[in-house]
Amino acid sequence: MADQPQIYELNNGTVVVKITNYGCTITSLSVPDKNGKLADVVLGFDTVEPYVKGTSPYFGCIVGRVANRIKNGKFTLNGTGYSLPINKPPNSLHGGFKGFDKRIWEVAEYKKGDKPSITFKYRSSDGYPGDVSVTATYTLTSSMTMKLDMEAVPENKATPINLAQHTYWNLAGHNSGNILDHTIQIWASEMTPVDENTVPTGEIKPVKGTPFDFTAEKKVGLQVHEVGLGYDHNYVLGGGEEKLGLKRAAKLKDPSSSRVLNLWTNAPGMQFYTGNYVNGVVGKGGAVYNKHAGLCLETQGFPNAINQSNFPSVVVQPGSKYQHTMLFEFSVE
């Protein structure tokens, strides 16, 4: 049982992933390019200290109890009103000032071998109704595939639960500049428009004919300047093929290295975020990460769903289980 932040490694001979028990955070993920050359394709830090010190803009962590924004940090559930910390004024973001990303998780299981995996556990009792037991398991399921299984069980009260994995991807390599030349396809014909504080208005709008349309593969940077600071929006997933009970969410490709990431999930939404607030963060090997240095594909329940009755509910009842799976398939093409 590690009660200190440490970094653990999953290595199947092709992909090497480093993960810390501090925030269940992926600090490094190395995959081969078209020539078999490995590069680390996630933004992050070499040691746990910057994460612990709060230097990280949510690099690689699991955020919760409720990912994304809750409007004005307020919601009502079963007749009781709750007020959350306003850490991204005027809203509560990613669990407040000390969400799951800033906790030391217990290492419950750590397996080596050809399908290496690590399971982290955390018990949450902070600010939301009731206590919740959470587990997250990262597994290298095949030579080029990583799976993340997140589960959470409310112990005594109904509560909103919405976990998201917040890795910033740059398939050319974490230190290679911006991701505007990557292409992306998102299996979503609709998105949830936002107000001036990046909270969904409650509407669900078609992406067709807008800069938010990624139904066909296109460059991330093609219309990024038409959407304010950049993309930071929730997509309504659906319409793609399925695999192992998961739906196709996104396909990301870097033309320079030919690396591809196909993402599959059972979550209803995905926040597509182009690293708009990253500004001069000194990361691994002294690399400086600026705006658009990486992008996030955060599969999730819809932001502020607790206050929007027309969004899929994120409330989980005691005795029920929240289950969120993500499958990251790497390849070259």
Protein backbone atom coordinates (compact mmCIF):
# COMPACT_ATOMS: atom_id res chain seq x y z
CA MET A 1 0.00 0.00 0.00
CA ALA A 2 1.71 3.12 -1.20
CA ASP A 3 0.74 6.19 0.78
CA GLN A 4 3.37 8.22 -1.06
CA PRO A 5 3.05 9.32 -4.68
CA GLN A 6 4.98 6.88 -6.87
CA ILE A 7 5.23 6.11 -10.57
CA TYR A 8 4.41 2.60 -11.80
CA GLU A 9 5.12 1.13 -15.23
CA LEU A 10 3.08 -1.05 -17.57
CA ASN A 11 5.22 -2.50 -20.35
CA ASN A 12 4.20 -5.20 -22.83
CA GLY A 13 7.27 -4.87 -25.05
CA THR A 14 5.56 -2.52 -27.52
CA VAL A 15 3.81 0.15 -25.47
CA VAL A 16 5.20 1.60 -22.24
CA VAL A 17 2.88 3.48 -19.90
CA LYS A 18 3.84 5.25 -16.68
CA ILE A 19 1.10 5.96 -14.17
CA THR A 20 1.20 7.47 -10.71
CA ASN A 21 -1.12 6.73 -7.80
CA TYR A 22 -1.39 10.50 -7.36
CA GLY A 23 -4.63 11.22 -9.22
CA CYS A 24 -4.45 7.91 -11.14
CA THR A 25 -2.39 9.94 -13.59
CA ILE A 26 -0.77 8.79 -16.85
CA THR A 27 2.57 10.60 -16.81
CA SER A 28 4.02 9.01 -19.95
CA LEU A 29 2.81 6.77 -22.77
CA SER A 30 5.22 5.65 -25.46
CA VAL A 31 4.06 4.08 -28.72
CA PRO A 32 5.90 3.31 -31.98
CA ASP A 33 5.54 5.32 -35.19
CA LYS A 34 5.55 3.95 -38.78
CA ASN A 35 9.30 3.15 -38.44
CA GLY A 36 8.90 1.51 -35.03
CA LYS A 37 10.41 4.53 -33.30
CA LEU A 38 8.98 5.12 -29.83
CA ALA A 39 7.79 8.54 -28.72
CA ASP A 40 6.02 9.67 -25.58
CA VAL A 41 2.67 11.01 -26.80
CA VAL A 42 1.22 12.55 -23.63
CA LEU A 43 1.92 15.87 -21.92
CA GLY A 44 3.21 15.63 -18.38
CA PHE A 45 6.10 15.80 -15.95
CA ASP A 46 9.12 13.56 -15.26
CA THR A 47 8.46 13.30 -11.51
CA VAL A 48 5.42 13.40 -9.24
CA GLU A 49 6.40 16.72 -7.59
CA PRO A 50 4.84 19.13 -10.15
CA TYR A 51 1.55 17.20 -10.01
CA VAL A 52 1.55 17.36 -6.20
CA LYS A 53 2.48 21.06 -6.26
CA GLY A 54 -0.47 21.84 -8.52
CA THR A 55 1.56 22.86 -11.58
CA SER A 56 -0.47 20.54 -13.79
CA PRO A 57 -3.53 21.72 -15.77
CA TYR A 58 -5.10 18.28 -15.22
CA PHE A 59 -2.43 16.47 -17.28
CA GLY A 60 -3.26 12.75 -17.54
CA CYS A 61 -5.35 12.41 -14.39
CA ILE A 62 -8.76 10.99 -13.57
CA VAL A 63 -11.11 13.79 -12.55
CA GLY A 64 -14.14 13.42 -10.28
CA ARG A 65 -16.37 12.99 -8.34
CA VAL A 66 -18.01 15.04 -11.07
CA ALA A 67 -15.93 15.86 -14.14
CA ASN A 68 -16.36 19.11 -16.04
CA ARG A 69 -18.42 22.07 -14.90
CA ILE A 70 -21.32 22.34 -12.48
CA LYS A 71 -22.99 25.70 -12.99
CA ASN A 72 -22.36 28.08 -10.07
CA GLY A 73 -21.20 25.04 -8.07
CA LYS A 74 -24.80 24.32 -7.06
CA PHE A 75 -27.28 21.51 -7.46
CA THR A 76 -30.26 19.99 -5.68
CA LEU A 77 -30.75 16.26 -5.22
CA ASN A 78 -33.66 14.59 -3.43
CA GLY A 79 -34.74 17.90 -1.95
CA THR A 80 -31.34 18.86 -0.52
CA GLY A 81 -29.27 21.70 -1.93
CA TYR A 82 -25.49 21.29 -2.28
CA SER A 83 -22.83 23.96 -2.76
CA LEU A 84 -19.45 22.98 -4.19
CA PRO A 85 -16.14 24.89 -4.22
CA ILE A 86 -15.99 27.47 -7.03
CA ASN A 87 -12.50 26.65 -8.37
CA LYS A 88 -13.15 27.92 -11.92
CA PRO A 89 -15.33 30.99 -11.26
CA PRO A 90 -18.26 31.11 -11.46
CA ASN A 91 -18.38 27.30 -11.67
CA SER A 92 -17.13 24.20 -9.93
CA LEU A 93 -14.80 22.25 -12.24
CA HIS A 94 -13.55 18.64 -12.05
CA GLY A 95 -14.45 18.07 -8.41
CA GLY A 96 -13.39 21.43 -6.96
CA PHE A 97 -10.10 22.45 -5.39
CA LYS A 98 -9.21 18.92 -4.35
CA GLY A 99 -10.87 16.45 -6.67
CA PHE A 100 -9.87 12.85 -7.38
CA ASP A 101 -6.91 14.13 -9.42
CA LYS A 102 -5.27 15.54 -6.25
CA ARG A 103 -5.66 12.45 -4.05
CA ILE A 104 -3.33 9.57 -3.42
CA TRP A 105 -5.09 6.38 -4.51
CA GLU A 106 -4.31 2.99 -3.04
CA VAL A 107 -2.67 0.46 -5.34
CA ALA A 108 -5.00 -2.52 -5.01
CA GLU A 109 -3.37 -4.77 -7.62
CA TYR A 110 -0.33 -4.58 -9.89
CA LYS A 111 0.27 -7.31 -12.47
CA LYS A 112 3.17 -7.74 -14.86
CA GLY A 113 3.33 -10.14 -17.81
CA ASP A 114 1.94 -9.95 -21.33
CA LYS A 115 -1.26 -8.16 -20.22
CA PRO A 116 0.10 -5.93 -17.47
CA SER A 117 -2.39 -3.98 -15.39
CA ILE A 118 -2.68 -1.78 -12.34
CA THR A 119 -5.77 -1.15 -10.21
CA PHE A 120 -6.16 1.94 -8.05
CA LYS A 121 -8.74 2.45 -5.31
CA TYR A 122 -10.07 5.54 -3.60
CA ARG A 123 -12.84 6.24 -1.09
CA SER A 124 -14.44 9.64 -1.51
CA SER A 125 -16.42 11.57 1.08
CA ASP A 126 -15.98 15.17 0.06
CA GLY A 127 -18.66 17.81 -0.46
CA TYR A 128 -21.09 15.73 -2.47
CA PRO A 129 -23.81 13.55 -0.95
CA GLY A 130 -22.57 10.37 0.68
CA ASP A 131 -19.47 8.21 0.39
CA VAL A 132 -18.33 6.56 -2.83
CA SER A 133 -15.84 3.74 -3.41
CA VAL A 134 -13.97 4.12 -6.67
CA THR A 135 -11.65 1.82 -8.62
CA ALA A 136 -9.73 2.44 -11.81
CA THR A 137 -7.84 -0.24 -13.72
CA TYR A 138 -5.42 0.40 -16.57
CA THR A 139 -4.60 -2.70 -18.66
CA LEU A 140 -2.47 -3.24 -21.76
CA THR A 141 -4.90 -5.69 -23.35
CA SER A 142 -2.89 -6.29 -26.53
CA SER A 143 0.35 -5.11 -28.08
CA MET A 144 -1.04 -1.69 -29.08
CA THR A 145 -4.16 -1.33 -26.93
CA MET A 146 -4.80 0.12 -23.48
CA LYS A 147 -8.06 -0.24 -21.61
CA LEU A 148 -9.27 1.83 -18.68
CA ASP A 149 -12.11 0.58 -16.50
CA MET A 150 -13.54 3.03 -13.98
CA GLU A 151 -16.13 1.93 -11.43
CA ALA A 152 -17.78 3.78 -8.57
CA VAL A 153 -20.33 2.62 -5.99
CA PRO A 154 -22.25 5.03 -3.76
CA GLU A 155 -22.27 3.53 -0.25
CA ASN A 156 -25.13 5.38 1.41
CA LYS A 157 -26.71 8.17 -0.68
CA ALA A 158 -27.65 8.89 -4.26
CA THR A 159 -24.97 11.12 -5.79
CA PRO A 160 -23.84 12.51 -9.12
CA ILE A 161 -20.82 10.59 -10.45
CA ASN A 162 -19.01 11.47 -13.66
CA LEU A 163 -15.39 10.40 -14.03
CA ALA A 164 -13.19 11.47 -16.93
CA GLN A 165 -9.65 10.62 -18.02
CA HIS A 166 -7.92 13.90 -18.80
CA THR A 167 -4.83 12.97 -20.85
CA TYR A 168 -3.48 15.58 -23.26
CA TRP A 169 -2.45 13.78 -26.46
CA ASN A 170 0.14 14.81 -29.02
CA LEU A 171 0.74 11.84 -31.32
CA ALA A 172 3.83 13.45 -32.85
CA GLY A 173 5.44 13.42 -29.39
CA HIS A 174 4.77 15.47 -26.27
CA ASN A 175 7.57 17.94 -27.15
CA SER A 176 6.75 18.38 -30.84
CA GLY A 177 4.79 21.65 -30.82
CA ASN A 178 1.05 21.99 -31.37
CA ILE A 179 -1.65 19.55 -32.46
CA LEU A 180 -3.28 21.77 -35.11
CA ASP A 181 -2.01 19.55 -37.96
CA HIS A 182 -3.48 16.38 -36.40
CA THR A 183 -6.65 15.17 -38.08
CA ILE A 184 -9.61 14.02 -36.06
CA GLN A 185 -12.90 12.31 -36.72
CA ILE A 186 -15.56 12.36 -33.98
CA TRP A 187 -18.54 10.02 -34.10
CA ALA A 188 -21.09 12.65 -33.08
CA SER A 189 -23.64 14.48 -35.19
CA GLU A 190 -24.62 16.74 -32.28
CA MET A 191 -22.94 18.79 -29.56
CA THR A 192 -24.02 20.80 -26.53
CA PRO A 193 -23.54 24.56 -27.07
CA VAL A 194 -22.15 26.56 -24.14
CA ASP A 195 -22.67 29.94 -22.49
CA GLU A 196 -19.93 32.52 -21.88
CA ASN A 197 -18.66 30.46 -18.92
CA THR A 198 -18.32 27.24 -20.95
CA VAL A 199 -21.39 25.64 -19.34
CA PRO A 200 -23.86 23.90 -21.67
CA THR A 201 -27.02 25.93 -22.21
CA GLY A 202 -29.13 22.77 -22.23
CA GLU A 203 -29.55 22.75 -25.99
CA ILE A 204 -28.43 19.88 -28.20
CA LYS A 205 -27.50 21.11 -31.68
CA PRO A 206 -26.45 19.47 -34.93
CA VAL A 207 -22.79 20.01 -35.87
CA LYS A 208 -23.53 20.01 -39.60
CA GLY A 209 -22.47 23.22 -41.30
CA THR A 210 -20.56 24.50 -38.26
CA PRO A 211 -16.86 24.51 -37.22
CA PHE A 212 -17.80 21.74 -34.75
CA ASP A 213 -18.39 19.21 -37.52
CA PHE A 214 -15.84 16.40 -37.33
CA THR A 215 -18.13 13.70 -38.72
CA ALA A 216 -15.57 13.34 -41.50
CA GLU A 217 -11.84 13.41 -40.77
CA LYS A 218 -10.48 16.96 -40.80
CA LYS A 219 -7.60 19.01 -39.47
CA VAL A 220 -7.96 20.15 -35.87
CA GLY A 221 -6.64 23.58 -36.82
CA LEU A 222 -8.82 24.10 -39.88
CA GLN A 223 -11.55 26.09 -38.11
CA VAL A 224 -10.18 26.28 -34.56
CA HIS A 225 -9.99 30.08 -34.75
CA GLU A 226 -13.73 30.29 -35.42
CA VAL A 227 -14.64 28.95 -31.97
CA GLY A 228 -13.16 31.50 -29.56
CA LEU A 229 -10.13 30.24 -27.66
CA GLY A 230 -10.43 26.82 -29.29
CA TYR A 231 -12.50 23.69 -28.85
CA ASP A 232 -13.73 22.94 -25.32
CA HIS A 233 -17.07 21.37 -26.05
CA ASN A 234 -19.07 18.26 -25.27
CA TYR A 235 -20.03 16.00 -28.18
CA VAL A 236 -23.06 13.72 -28.12
CA LEU A 237 -21.57 10.37 -29.12
CA GLY A 238 -23.32 7.90 -31.38
CA GLY A 239 -23.71 6.65 -34.92
CA GLY A 240 -20.47 4.68 -35.17
CA GLU A 241 -19.76 0.99 -35.04
CA GLU A 242 -19.48 -0.86 -31.73
CA LYS A 243 -16.81 -3.10 -30.28
CA LEU A 244 -16.98 -5.08 -27.02
CA GLY A 245 -20.08 -3.10 -26.04
CA LEU A 246 -18.23 0.19 -26.59
CA LYS A 247 -19.07 2.79 -29.21
CA ARG A 248 -16.59 4.46 -31.45
CA ALA A 249 -15.82 7.97 -30.14
CA ALA A 250 -12.89 9.42 -32.06
CA LYS A 251 -10.03 8.74 -34.42
CA LEU A 252 -6.98 10.97 -34.03
CA LYS A 253 -4.09 10.90 -36.49
CA ASP A 254 -0.74 12.66 -36.69
CA PRO A 255 0.38 12.92 -40.34
CA SER A 256 4.09 13.35 -39.51
CA SER A 257 4.54 10.08 -37.59
CA SER A 258 1.49 8.21 -39.00
CA ARG A 259 0.47 7.39 -35.42
CA VAL A 260 -3.26 6.84 -34.95
CA LEU A 261 -5.39 6.66 -31.82
CA ASN A 262 -8.85 5.14 -32.05
CA LEU A 263 -10.93 5.71 -28.92
CA TRP A 264 -13.93 3.61 -27.89
CA THR A 265 -16.18 4.22 -24.87
CA ASN A 266 -19.52 3.46 -23.23
CA ALA A 267 -19.96 7.08 -22.07
CA PRO A 268 -22.66 9.27 -23.66
CA GLY A 269 -20.46 12.29 -24.31
CA MET A 270 -16.91 13.42 -25.00
CA GLN A 271 -15.28 16.75 -24.21
CA PHE A 272 -13.02 17.69 -27.10
CA TYR A 273 -10.53 20.18 -25.68
CA THR A 274 -7.62 21.69 -27.59
CA GLY A 275 -5.44 22.78 -24.65
CA ASN A 276 -6.55 26.39 -24.91
CA TYR A 277 -5.38 27.39 -21.43
CA VAL A 278 -1.94 25.74 -21.55
CA ASN A 279 0.62 28.52 -21.35
CA GLY A 280 4.35 28.04 -20.81
CA VAL A 281 4.14 24.90 -18.69
CA VAL A 282 7.58 23.31 -18.34
CA GLY A 283 7.11 19.58 -18.75
CA LYS A 284 9.14 16.43 -19.39
CA GLY A 285 12.76 16.92 -20.37
CA GLY A 286 12.35 20.68 -20.11
CA ALA A 287 9.84 20.79 -22.96
CA VAL A 288 7.68 23.92 -22.81
CA TYR A 289 3.99 23.31 -23.46
CA ASN A 290 2.01 26.21 -24.89
CA LYS A 291 -1.54 26.67 -26.20
CA HIS A 292 -2.69 23.68 -28.30
CA ALA A 293 0.38 21.60 -27.28
CA GLY A 294 -1.98 18.68 -26.74
CA LEU A 295 -5.65 17.81 -27.01
CA CYS A 296 -8.01 15.96 -24.68
CA LEU A 297 -10.66 13.41 -25.57
CA GLU A 298 -12.52 13.17 -22.28
CA THR A 299 -15.37 10.67 -22.55
CA GLN A 300 -17.92 11.61 -19.91
CA GLY A 301 -21.49 12.31 -18.87
CA PHE A 302 -22.61 15.69 -20.17
CA PRO A 303 -21.29 18.74 -18.30
CA ASN A 304 -23.73 20.21 -15.73
CA ALA A 305 -26.06 17.24 -16.33
CA ILE A 306 -27.08 17.38 -12.65
CA ASN A 307 -28.83 20.69 -13.45
CA GLN A 308 -30.17 19.77 -16.91
CA SER A 309 -33.13 17.40 -16.84
CA ASN A 310 -32.94 16.80 -20.61
CA PHE A 311 -29.33 15.49 -20.39
CA PRO A 312 -28.65 11.83 -19.55
CA SER A 313 -28.66 11.55 -15.75
CA VAL A 314 -25.34 11.26 -13.90
CA VAL A 315 -27.03 10.34 -10.60
CA VAL A 316 -26.09 6.91 -9.26
CA GLN A 317 -28.18 5.23 -6.56
CA PRO A 318 -26.71 3.31 -3.61
CA GLY A 319 -26.42 -0.34 -4.57
CA SER A 320 -25.98 0.61 -8.22
CA LYS A 321 -22.63 0.87 -9.93
CA TYR A 322 -21.19 3.55 -12.18
CA GLN A 323 -19.16 1.89 -14.96
CA HIS A 324 -17.10 3.78 -17.52
CA THR A 325 -14.76 2.02 -19.93
CA MET A 326 -12.35 3.55 -22.43
CA LEU A 327 -10.38 1.62 -25.02
CA PHE A 328 -7.34 3.32 -26.56
CA GLU A 329 -6.26 1.56 -29.75
CA PHE A 330 -2.97 2.72 -31.24
CA SER A 331 -1.84 1.95 -34.76
CA VAL A 332 0.01 3.43 -37.74
CA GLU A 333 -1.46 4.11 -41.17
